[in-house]
Structure formats: C-alpha cells, structure tokens
Amino acid sequence: MNRTTDIISINTFEQIPTLESIRAIPRERTLKLVFENELQIQIEAIGQNLKKELSGFQVAVHTVNPEINIAKLITHQEIEDNQDFFEQCAKDYRQLGEELLFKLVDKLGLKLNKDFPMETFNELKLDKRRTGKVENWRYYVHGFHCGFENNKTGQIIEVPLFIGLEFGDLDPYFFTSYIKSTPQYNPLPVEIFEDYADGVVINEKMISLGKFERISSNVGNHNGIVVADRQKVAIKSYEELNRLDELQNKQNEKPKFNFWKFIGLKK
C-alpha cells in the first residue's frame, strides 16, 4: 500500500496543525509542513517540540529544506495482534541466515572461526571474494554483516557475523526489509511503512511480550535482539575472545634457544 502525503504551507503559528489533529491521522497518510517567511528560523524548535509531544510518530526536520515531515508509526496494538507473524518471521530469518552463511563457507572453503565469524570474513574484504554468488543468491560482505539477495525473488537478508554462531540478530532496518522482500509473507497482515522506525517499535514491543530478547555479542557495548523461542548457542564476549587469542599466541611462541642447555651445562 502506498502512502499519500498532505502538504501544508505554514506562514503563521496558527496554521500549524494541532496535536489532536495530527494524532488522528491514519498511518496511510503523512504530513509535510512547509514553513515560509520568518518561521523558517524557528523550524528546529518547532520540530523538537513536536517530537516531544507526538509519541508513536516519526518527526523529521529536513536538514536543507524548511520542512517537517510527520508519519505515524506502527502501533503497539497492531504488533500485539500480529505477534505470531513477527515471531515466525524472526525464526525464518534465523534459519535462512544460518543456511546461507554455511553454504557460503563451504563454497569458499573457509575455516570458520565459530567463536567469532567476523574474523574469518574480514579476510574476504581484502580481495575479490568480498562479493559473488552462491546458488541463486548474490552476497556482499560488509561491516558486521554478510548481505544476501535472491536473484529470482529479490528477497534480501543480512546475516550478522559478530554474535558467534547466532545468525538471527534482528537489526530493525534489516529485519523489516527482510519481511517486506519475502514473497510468502505478502500481502503483509499489517503494513510496515518506515523500515527502521517501525522496526524499532516492533522489536521493543516483541521484547515486552516475551517473544524477542536481547543477547550479548562478541563486540563490546553491543547487544543483539533475537527470537526467544530458539536453540540457544554460547556466545563468547570480547574479553573472552581476547584471552583466548593471548593464550593461542603464547602456545604458538617458539622457546628461545639456550646455548648452555644445548651443550649440556644447564638443565
């Protein structure tokens, strides 16, 4: 479903829609407030006040043009009514991500670091293996993820590489993009218009319902979000990985040559 945008020119404060009228706008419509004359210099203050007052809305002050764009986000009730759908999407995301990741590992003959997969995939960023194909999927290694896109269906998924063998991290933008691009989910039981902002609301509400949960990662000060009903995997922290690396380095060190011990004068 496409959204329609109502454009309102604002020349005076009185022309700014009331909070009540904005809250009554359905999710299928957005507002664009275009400010004229001297009101342009107050647009930032006006935008900040609207953000404060309009819970459940995305309020964006344009960085170049004198305008404020307002959109209603997916509601908690809509998420609760469709919690089984979002839970299944999260399970499917996890399963597909794991399948594709291991298919790519097999194709490229990689020795996967099961504690920290990103270490293995960092090698690919330095050569032509960074992009390629595996079966019907194109892949692209970047940042903390390996992205896949199906050549036939257009389905997209971003597989995390920084949470051990947990490949179901639900980044808000990546998760909603996956849902919207998956043919078998369409038509969606509830519309998702703002990929990132709606994704944040979905994740937070699903956590409060006990369907999703936060988990730690290999990277310090970073948490993941995964479906709660899953087979859990052990995830080593950044500190644990460092200790393992230090131990491995010590084990690989060659003992220093001792001449006196060599000639038998020292035990």
C-alpha atoms as a PDB file:
ATOM      1  CA  MET A   1       0.000   0.000   0.000  1.00  0.00           C
ATOM      2  CA  ASN A   2       1.313   3.443  -0.955  1.00  0.00           C
ATOM      3  CA  ARG A   3       1.112   6.374   1.382  1.00  0.00           C
ATOM      4  CA  THR A   4      -0.329   9.751   0.494  1.00  0.00           C
ATOM      5  CA  THR A   5       1.251  12.983   1.740  1.00  0.00           C
ATOM      6  CA  ASP A   6      -0.683  16.072   2.773  1.00  0.00           C
ATOM      7  CA  ILE A   7       1.394  19.220   2.169  1.00  0.00           C
ATOM      8  CA  ILE A   8       0.566  22.278   4.275  1.00  0.00           C
ATOM      9  CA  SER A   9       2.222  25.683   3.851  1.00  0.00           C
ATOM     10  CA  ILE A  10       2.848  27.350   7.205  1.00  0.00           C
ATOM     11  CA  ASN A  11       3.013  31.145   7.265  1.00  0.00           C
ATOM     12  CA  THR A  12       1.878  31.697  10.852  1.00  0.00           C
ATOM     13  CA  PHE A  13       1.938  29.706  14.084  1.00  0.00           C
ATOM     14  CA  GLU A  14      -1.839  29.406  13.894  1.00  0.00           C
ATOM     15  CA  GLN A  15      -1.533  27.346  10.714  1.00  0.00           C
ATOM     16  CA  ILE A  16       0.441  24.594  12.423  1.00  0.00           C
ATOM     17  CA  PRO A  17      -1.960  21.640  12.893  1.00  0.00           C
ATOM     18  CA  THR A  18      -2.998  20.894  16.456  1.00  0.00           C
ATOM     19  CA  LEU A  19      -1.575  17.837  18.218  1.00  0.00           C
ATOM     20  CA  GLU A  20      -5.060  16.319  18.315  1.00  0.00           C
ATOM     21  CA  SER A  21      -5.497  16.638  14.554  1.00  0.00           C
ATOM     22  CA  ILE A  22      -2.060  15.144  13.897  1.00  0.00           C
ATOM     23  CA  ARG A  23      -2.712  12.194  16.200  1.00  0.00           C
ATOM     24  CA  ALA A  24      -5.920  11.481  14.264  1.00  0.00           C
ATOM     25  CA  ILE A  25      -4.016  10.969  11.003  1.00  0.00           C
ATOM     26  CA  PRO A  26      -4.053   7.311   9.868  1.00  0.00           C
ATOM     27  CA  ARG A  27      -0.796   5.520   9.105  1.00  0.00           C
ATOM     28  CA  GLU A  28      -1.626   5.552   5.402  1.00  0.00           C
ATOM     29  CA  ARG A  29      -1.117   9.334   5.314  1.00  0.00           C
ATOM     30  CA  THR A  30       1.838  11.557   6.161  1.00  0.00           C
ATOM     31  CA  LEU A  31       2.145  15.288   6.792  1.00  0.00           C
ATOM     32  CA  LYS A  32       4.649  17.666   5.254  1.00  0.00           C
ATOM     33  CA  LEU A  33       4.714  21.093   6.884  1.00  0.00           C
ATOM     34  CA  VAL A  34       6.476  23.631   4.653  1.00  0.00           C
ATOM     35  CA  PHE A  35       7.489  26.762   6.564  1.00  0.00           C
ATOM     36  CA  GLU A  36       7.561  30.204   4.968  1.00  0.00           C
ATOM     37  CA  ASN A  37       8.934  33.627   5.874  1.00  0.00           C
ATOM     38  CA  GLU A  38      10.448  34.223   9.305  1.00  0.00           C
ATOM     39  CA  LEU A  39       9.081  30.955  10.717  1.00  0.00           C
ATOM     40  CA  GLN A  40      11.906  29.151   8.922  1.00  0.00           C
ATOM     41  CA  ILE A  41      14.402  30.183  11.590  1.00  0.00           C
ATOM     42  CA  GLN A  42      12.239  28.561  14.274  1.00  0.00           C
ATOM     43  CA  ILE A  43      11.742  25.272  12.491  1.00  0.00           C
ATOM     44  CA  GLU A  44      14.214  23.367  14.692  1.00  0.00           C
ATOM     45  CA  ALA A  45      12.490  24.447  17.922  1.00  0.00           C
ATOM     46  CA  ILE A  46       9.077  23.621  16.467  1.00  0.00           C
ATOM     47  CA  GLY A  47      10.315  20.212  15.350  1.00  0.00           C
ATOM     48  CA  GLN A  48      11.785  19.377  18.754  1.00  0.00           C
ATOM     49  CA  ASN A  49       8.515  20.258  20.462  1.00  0.00           C
ATOM     50  CA  LEU A  50       6.541  18.056  18.055  1.00  0.00           C
ATOM     51  CA  LYS A  51       8.937  15.156  18.706  1.00  0.00           C
ATOM     52  CA  LYS A  52       8.408  15.580  22.435  1.00  0.00           C
ATOM     53  CA  GLU A  53       4.617  15.672  22.200  1.00  0.00           C
ATOM     54  CA  LEU A  54       3.947  13.114  19.462  1.00  0.00           C
ATOM     55  CA  SER A  55       4.753   9.724  20.955  1.00  0.00           C
ATOM     56  CA  GLY A  56       4.335   6.976  18.365  1.00  0.00           C
ATOM     57  CA  PHE A  57       5.207   9.282  15.464  1.00  0.00           C
ATOM     58  CA  GLN A  58       8.318   9.890  13.413  1.00  0.00           C
ATOM     59  CA  VAL A  59       9.013  13.631  13.209  1.00  0.00           C
ATOM     60  CA  ALA A  60      11.841  14.563  10.826  1.00  0.00           C
ATOM     61  CA  VAL A  61      13.168  18.101  10.391  1.00  0.00           C
ATOM     62  CA  HIS A  62      14.688  18.394   6.913  1.00  0.00           C
ATOM     63  CA  THR A  63      18.345  19.379   7.011  1.00  0.00           C
ATOM     64  CA  VAL A  64      18.154  21.528   3.860  1.00  0.00           C
ATOM     65  CA  ASN A  65      14.584  22.458   3.052  1.00  0.00           C
ATOM     66  CA  PRO A  66      12.403  24.351   5.585  1.00  0.00           C
ATOM     67  CA  GLU A  67      10.016  21.473   6.189  1.00  0.00           C
ATOM     68  CA  ILE A  68       8.969  18.965   8.830  1.00  0.00           C
ATOM     69  CA  ASN A  69       7.728  15.514   7.830  1.00  0.00           C
ATOM     70  CA  ILE A  70       5.422  13.636  10.205  1.00  0.00           C
ATOM     71  CA  ALA A  71       4.419   9.974   9.971  1.00  0.00           C
ATOM     72  CA  LYS A  72       2.519   7.724  12.370  1.00  0.00           C
ATOM     73  CA  LEU A  73       4.417   4.548  13.258  1.00  0.00           C
ATOM     74  CA  ILE A  74       3.106   1.016  13.636  1.00  0.00           C
ATOM     75  CA  THR A  75       1.130   0.804  16.874  1.00  0.00           C
ATOM     76  CA  HIS A  76       1.664  -1.482  19.850  1.00  0.00           C
ATOM     77  CA  GLN A  77      -1.814  -2.903  19.305  1.00  0.00           C
ATOM     78  CA  GLU A  78      -1.054  -3.793  15.685  1.00  0.00           C
ATOM     79  CA  ILE A  79       2.115  -5.588  16.782  1.00  0.00           C
ATOM     80  CA  GLU A  80       0.343  -7.432  19.588  1.00  0.00           C
ATOM     81  CA  ASP A  81      -2.408  -8.538  17.211  1.00  0.00           C
ATOM     82  CA  ASN A  82       0.261  -9.887  14.827  1.00  0.00           C
ATOM     83  CA  GLN A  83       2.835 -11.173  17.320  1.00  0.00           C
ATOM     84  CA  ASP A  84       2.687 -14.738  15.971  1.00  0.00           C
ATOM     85  CA  PHE A  85       3.508 -13.448  12.493  1.00  0.00           C
ATOM     86  CA  PHE A  86       6.519 -11.435  13.648  1.00  0.00           C
ATOM     87  CA  GLU A  87       7.748 -14.332  15.776  1.00  0.00           C
ATOM     88  CA  GLN A  88       7.616 -16.687  12.783  1.00  0.00           C
ATOM     89  CA  CYS A  89       9.401 -14.121  10.613  1.00  0.00           C
ATOM     90  CA  ALA A  90      12.193 -13.970  13.196  1.00  0.00           C
ATOM     91  CA  LYS A  91      12.503 -17.769  13.261  1.00  0.00           C
ATOM     92  CA  ASP A  92      12.599 -17.908   9.462  1.00  0.00           C
ATOM     93  CA  TYR A  93      15.215 -15.126   9.381  1.00  0.00           C
ATOM     94  CA  ARG A  94      17.451 -17.075  11.755  1.00  0.00           C
ATOM     95  CA  GLN A  95      17.111 -20.340   9.839  1.00  0.00           C
ATOM     96  CA  LEU A  96      17.710 -18.790   6.414  1.00  0.00           C
ATOM     97  CA  GLY A  97      20.661 -16.739   7.652  1.00  0.00           C
ATOM     98  CA  GLU A  98      22.359 -19.831   9.074  1.00  0.00           C
ATOM     99  CA  GLU A  99      21.746 -21.870   5.902  1.00  0.00           C
ATOM    100  CA  LEU A 100      23.153 -19.210   3.589  1.00  0.00           C
ATOM    101  CA  LEU A 101      26.168 -18.485   5.771  1.00  0.00           C
ATOM    102  CA  PHE A 102      27.265 -22.121   5.906  1.00  0.00           C
ATOM    103  CA  LYS A 103      26.658 -22.590   2.174  1.00  0.00           C
ATOM    104  CA  LEU A 104      28.996 -19.667   1.523  1.00  0.00           C
ATOM    105  CA  VAL A 105      31.600 -21.052   3.937  1.00  0.00           C
ATOM    106  CA  ASP A 106      31.504 -24.394   2.099  1.00  0.00           C
ATOM    107  CA  LYS A 107      31.698 -22.834  -1.358  1.00  0.00           C
ATOM    108  CA  LEU A 108      34.708 -20.675  -0.489  1.00  0.00           C
ATOM    109  CA  GLY A 109      36.406 -23.393   1.560  1.00  0.00           C
ATOM    110  CA  LEU A 110      36.703 -21.157   4.608  1.00  0.00           C
ATOM    111  CA  LYS A 111      37.848 -22.328   8.016  1.00  0.00           C
ATOM    112  CA  LEU A 112      35.158 -20.651  10.067  1.00  0.00           C
ATOM    113  CA  ASN A 113      36.061 -19.172  13.428  1.00  0.00           C
ATOM    114  CA  LYS A 114      32.980 -20.430  15.267  1.00  0.00           C
ATOM    115  CA  ASP A 115      33.611 -18.153  18.231  1.00  0.00           C
ATOM    116  CA  PHE A 116      33.970 -15.011  16.108  1.00  0.00           C
ATOM    117  CA  PRO A 117      32.874 -15.497  12.447  1.00  0.00           C
ATOM    118  CA  MET A 118      33.720 -11.908  11.565  1.00  0.00           C
ATOM    119  CA  GLU A 119      37.435 -12.713  11.896  1.00  0.00           C
ATOM    120  CA  THR A 120      37.058 -15.269   9.112  1.00  0.00           C
ATOM    121  CA  PHE A 121      35.029 -12.971   6.876  1.00  0.00           C
ATOM    122  CA  ASN A 122      37.338  -9.994   7.382  1.00  0.00           C
ATOM    123  CA  GLU A 123      39.781 -11.788   5.074  1.00  0.00           C
ATOM    124  CA  LEU A 124      37.228 -11.616   2.252  1.00  0.00           C
ATOM    125  CA  LYS A 125      37.001  -7.823   2.475  1.00  0.00           C
ATOM    126  CA  LEU A 126      40.555  -7.545   1.138  1.00  0.00           C
ATOM    127  CA  ASP A 127      40.040  -9.396  -2.152  1.00  0.00           C
ATOM    128  CA  LYS A 128      37.547 -10.188  -4.900  1.00  0.00           C
ATOM    129  CA  ARG A 129      35.775 -12.764  -2.724  1.00  0.00           C
ATOM    130  CA  ARG A 130      34.032  -9.874  -0.958  1.00  0.00           C
ATOM    131  CA  THR A 131      31.189 -10.224  -3.484  1.00  0.00           C
ATOM    132  CA  GLY A 132      29.948 -13.144  -5.521  1.00  0.00           C
ATOM    133  CA  LYS A 133      27.232 -15.771  -5.912  1.00  0.00           C
ATOM    134  CA  VAL A 134      26.208 -18.843  -4.007  1.00  0.00           C
ATOM    135  CA  GLU A 135      23.417 -20.829  -5.688  1.00  0.00           C
ATOM    136  CA  ASN A 136      20.626 -18.322  -6.505  1.00  0.00           C
ATOM    137  CA  TRP A 137      21.944 -15.684  -4.140  1.00  0.00           C
ATOM    138  CA  ARG A 138      24.314 -12.760  -4.558  1.00  0.00           C
ATOM    139  CA  TYR A 139      26.334 -11.980  -1.474  1.00  0.00           C
ATOM    140  CA  TYR A 140      28.277  -8.974  -0.219  1.00  0.00           C
ATOM    141  CA  VAL A 141      30.486  -8.918   2.871  1.00  0.00           C
ATOM    142  CA  HIS A 142      30.462  -5.547   4.622  1.00  0.00           C
ATOM    143  CA  GLY A 143      30.852  -4.158   8.129  1.00  0.00           C
ATOM    144  CA  PHE A 144      29.475  -6.596  10.696  1.00  0.00           C
ATOM    145  CA  HIS A 145      27.271  -8.468   8.180  1.00  0.00           C
ATOM    146  CA  CYS A 146      27.144 -10.546   5.049  1.00  0.00           C
ATOM    147  CA  GLY A 147      24.221  -9.494   2.876  1.00  0.00           C
ATOM    148  CA  PHE A 148      22.375 -11.862   0.530  1.00  0.00           C
ATOM    149  CA  GLU A 149      19.876 -11.091  -2.238  1.00  0.00           C
ATOM    150  CA  ASN A 150      17.955 -13.738  -4.143  1.00  0.00           C
ATOM    151  CA  ASN A 151      18.367 -13.307  -7.894  1.00  0.00           C
ATOM    152  CA  LYS A 152      14.896 -14.671  -8.634  1.00  0.00           C
ATOM    153  CA  THR A 153      12.654 -13.338  -5.869  1.00  0.00           C
ATOM    154  CA  GLY A 154      14.516 -10.220  -4.719  1.00  0.00           C
ATOM    155  CA  GLN A 155      14.396 -11.433  -1.109  1.00  0.00           C
ATOM    156  CA  ILE A 156      17.130  -9.840   0.992  1.00  0.00           C
ATOM    157  CA  ILE A 157      18.692 -10.802   4.304  1.00  0.00           C
ATOM    158  CA  GLU A 158      21.657  -9.519   6.305  1.00  0.00           C
ATOM    159  CA  VAL A 159      23.450 -12.212   8.304  1.00  0.00           C
ATOM    160  CA  PRO A 160      25.330 -10.991  11.425  1.00  0.00           C
ATOM    161  CA  LEU A 161      28.953 -12.064  11.880  1.00  0.00           C
ATOM    162  CA  PHE A 162      29.594 -10.676  15.360  1.00  0.00           C
ATOM    163  CA  ILE A 163      27.476 -12.905  17.624  1.00  0.00           C
ATOM    164  CA  GLY A 164      29.232 -16.246  17.380  1.00  0.00           C
ATOM    165  CA  LEU A 165      27.075 -18.856  15.653  1.00  0.00           C
ATOM    166  CA  GLU A 166      23.901 -16.855  16.361  1.00  0.00           C
ATOM    167  CA  PHE A 167      22.789 -15.676  12.921  1.00  0.00           C
ATOM    168  CA  GLY A 168      19.339 -14.369  13.845  1.00  0.00           C
ATOM    169  CA  ASP A 169      20.107 -10.856  15.111  1.00  0.00           C
ATOM    170  CA  LEU A 170      17.125  -8.651  14.257  1.00  0.00           C
ATOM    171  CA  ASP A 171      18.527  -5.261  13.319  1.00  0.00           C
ATOM    172  CA  PRO A 172      15.383  -3.085  12.973  1.00  0.00           C
ATOM    173  CA  TYR A 173      16.052  -1.970   9.391  1.00  0.00           C
ATOM    174  CA  PHE A 174      17.386  -5.318   8.167  1.00  0.00           C
ATOM    175  CA  PHE A 175      14.524  -7.240   9.772  1.00  0.00           C
ATOM    176  CA  THR A 176      11.715  -5.175   8.243  1.00  0.00           C
ATOM    177  CA  SER A 177      13.493  -5.122   4.858  1.00  0.00           C
ATOM    178  CA  TYR A 178      13.636  -8.921   5.002  1.00  0.00           C
ATOM    179  CA  ILE A 179       9.938  -9.171   5.859  1.00  0.00           C
ATOM    180  CA  LYS A 180       8.868  -6.830   3.061  1.00  0.00           C
ATOM    181  CA  SER A 181      11.034  -8.596   0.465  1.00  0.00           C
ATOM    182  CA  THR A 182       9.905 -12.149   1.333  1.00  0.00           C
ATOM    183  CA  PRO A 183       7.267 -13.276  -1.207  1.00  0.00           C
ATOM    184  CA  GLN A 184       5.473 -15.763   1.038  1.00  0.00           C
ATOM    185  CA  TYR A 185       4.707 -13.058   3.607  1.00  0.00           C
ATOM    186  CA  ASN A 186       2.879 -10.852   1.118  1.00  0.00           C
ATOM    187  CA  PRO A 187       0.387  -9.363   1.396  1.00  0.00           C
ATOM    188  CA  LEU A 188       1.524  -8.416   4.889  1.00  0.00           C
ATOM    189  CA  PRO A 189      -1.051  -8.744   7.678  1.00  0.00           C
ATOM    190  CA  VAL A 190      -0.032  -5.262   8.856  1.00  0.00           C
ATOM    191  CA  GLU A 191       1.687  -2.526   6.869  1.00  0.00           C
ATOM    192  CA  ILE A 192       5.293  -1.515   7.523  1.00  0.00           C
ATOM    193  CA  PHE A 193       5.978   1.944   6.114  1.00  0.00           C
ATOM    194  CA  GLU A 194       9.049   3.193   7.988  1.00  0.00           C
ATOM    195  CA  ASP A 195      11.598   0.386   7.752  1.00  0.00           C
ATOM    196  CA  TYR A 196      13.880   1.481  10.590  1.00  0.00           C
ATOM    197  CA  ALA A 197      11.482   3.347  12.880  1.00  0.00           C
ATOM    198  CA  ASP A 198       8.716   0.746  12.589  1.00  0.00           C
ATOM    199  CA  GLY A 199      11.363  -1.945  13.100  1.00  0.00           C
ATOM    200  CA  VAL A 200      12.444  -0.373  16.389  1.00  0.00           C
ATOM    201  CA  VAL A 201       8.839  -0.322  17.643  1.00  0.00           C
ATOM    202  CA  ILE A 202       8.289  -3.933  16.555  1.00  0.00           C
ATOM    203  CA  ASN A 203      11.407  -5.140  18.349  1.00  0.00           C
ATOM    204  CA  GLU A 204      10.693  -3.265  21.565  1.00  0.00           C
ATOM    205  CA  LYS A 205       7.086  -4.438  21.731  1.00  0.00           C
ATOM    206  CA  MET A 206       8.026  -8.042  20.932  1.00  0.00           C
ATOM    207  CA  ILE A 207      10.613  -7.922  23.731  1.00  0.00           C
ATOM    208  CA  SER A 208       7.947  -6.681  26.147  1.00  0.00           C
ATOM    209  CA  LEU A 209       5.700  -9.580  25.044  1.00  0.00           C
ATOM    210  CA  GLY A 210       8.482 -12.071  25.762  1.00  0.00           C
ATOM    211  CA  LYS A 211       8.742 -13.116  22.110  1.00  0.00           C
ATOM    212  CA  PHE A 212      12.138 -11.490  21.455  1.00  0.00           C
ATOM    213  CA  GLU A 213      15.072 -10.995  23.818  1.00  0.00           C
ATOM    214  CA  ARG A 214      18.364  -9.137  23.989  1.00  0.00           C
ATOM    215  CA  ILE A 215      21.621 -11.082  23.966  1.00  0.00           C
ATOM    216  CA  SER A 216      25.285 -10.169  24.244  1.00  0.00           C
ATOM    217  CA  SER A 217      27.676 -10.223  21.304  1.00  0.00           C
ATOM    218  CA  ASN A 218      31.385 -10.658  20.545  1.00  0.00           C
ATOM    219  CA  VAL A 219      31.684  -6.875  20.348  1.00  0.00           C
ATOM    220  CA  GLY A 220      31.899  -4.758  23.479  1.00  0.00           C
ATOM    221  CA  ASN A 221      28.939  -2.480  24.337  1.00  0.00           C
ATOM    222  CA  HIS A 222      26.729  -4.020  21.663  1.00  0.00           C
ATOM    223  CA  ASN A 223      23.664  -6.236  22.147  1.00  0.00           C
ATOM    224  CA  GLY A 224      21.713  -8.300  19.682  1.00  0.00           C
ATOM    225  CA  ILE A 225      17.972  -8.980  19.517  1.00  0.00           C
ATOM    226  CA  VAL A 226      16.779 -12.494  18.692  1.00  0.00           C
ATOM    227  CA  VAL A 227      13.645 -14.600  18.861  1.00  0.00           C
ATOM    228  CA  ALA A 228      13.262 -16.059  22.358  1.00  0.00           C
ATOM    229  CA  ASP A 229      11.991 -19.484  21.247  1.00  0.00           C
ATOM    230  CA  ARG A 230      15.179 -20.907  19.744  1.00  0.00           C
ATOM    231  CA  GLN A 231      18.009 -23.332  20.345  1.00  0.00           C
ATOM    232  CA  LYS A 232      20.458 -21.149  22.226  1.00  0.00           C
ATOM    233  CA  VAL A 233      24.158 -21.010  21.350  1.00  0.00           C
ATOM    234  CA  ALA A 234      27.092 -19.982  23.536  1.00  0.00           C
ATOM    235  CA  ILE A 235      28.488 -16.533  22.735  1.00  0.00           C
ATOM    236  CA  LYS A 236      31.944 -15.501  23.865  1.00  0.00           C
ATOM    237  CA  SER A 237      32.418 -11.913  24.972  1.00  0.00           C
ATOM    238  CA  TYR A 238      35.059  -9.549  23.658  1.00  0.00           C
ATOM    239  CA  GLU A 239      37.118 -10.134  26.802  1.00  0.00           C
ATOM    240  CA  GLU A 240      36.887 -13.925  26.460  1.00  0.00           C
ATOM    241  CA  LEU A 241      37.992 -13.776  22.832  1.00  0.00           C
ATOM    242  CA  ASN A 242      40.961 -11.613  23.810  1.00  0.00           C
ATOM    243  CA  ARG A 243      42.030 -14.110  26.482  1.00  0.00           C
ATOM    244  CA  LEU A 244      41.757 -16.998  24.008  1.00  0.00           C
ATOM    245  CA  ASP A 245      43.789 -15.056  21.463  1.00  0.00           C
ATOM    246  CA  GLU A 246      46.516 -14.304  24.011  1.00  0.00           C
ATOM    247  CA  LEU A 247      46.633 -17.963  25.083  1.00  0.00           C
ATOM    248  CA  GLN A 248      46.876 -19.104  21.466  1.00  0.00           C
ATOM    249  CA  ASN A 249      49.710 -16.672  20.804  1.00  0.00           C
ATOM    250  CA  LYS A 250      51.631 -17.982  23.810  1.00  0.00           C
ATOM    251  CA  GLN A 251      51.156 -21.563  22.698  1.00  0.00           C
ATOM    252  CA  ASN A 252      52.470 -20.702  19.247  1.00  0.00           C
ATOM    253  CA  GLU A 253      55.586 -18.985  20.570  1.00  0.00           C
ATOM    254  CA  LYS A 254      58.778 -20.933  19.931  1.00  0.00           C
ATOM    255  CA  PRO A 255      61.033 -21.425  23.009  1.00  0.00           C
ATOM    256  CA  LYS A 256      64.163 -19.299  22.946  1.00  0.00           C
ATOM    257  CA  PHE A 257      67.408 -21.109  22.074  1.00  0.00           C
ATOM    258  CA  ASN A 258      69.587 -21.670  25.166  1.00  0.00           C
ATOM    259  CA  PHE A 259      73.224 -22.372  24.234  1.00  0.00           C
ATOM    260  CA  TRP A 260      74.247 -23.594  27.704  1.00  0.00           C
ATOM    261  CA  LYS A 261      71.329 -26.011  27.861  1.00  0.00           C
ATOM    262  CA  PHE A 262      72.141 -27.119  24.323  1.00  0.00           C
ATOM    263  CA  ILE A 263      75.707 -28.173  25.254  1.00  0.00           C
ATOM    264  CA  GLY A 264      74.518 -29.896  28.418  1.00  0.00           C
ATOM    265  CA  LEU A 265      75.838 -27.477  31.030  1.00  0.00           C
ATOM    266  CA  LYS A 266      72.388 -26.422  32.204  1.00  0.00           C
ATOM    267  CA  LYS A 267      69.253 -28.372  32.791  1.00  0.00           C
END
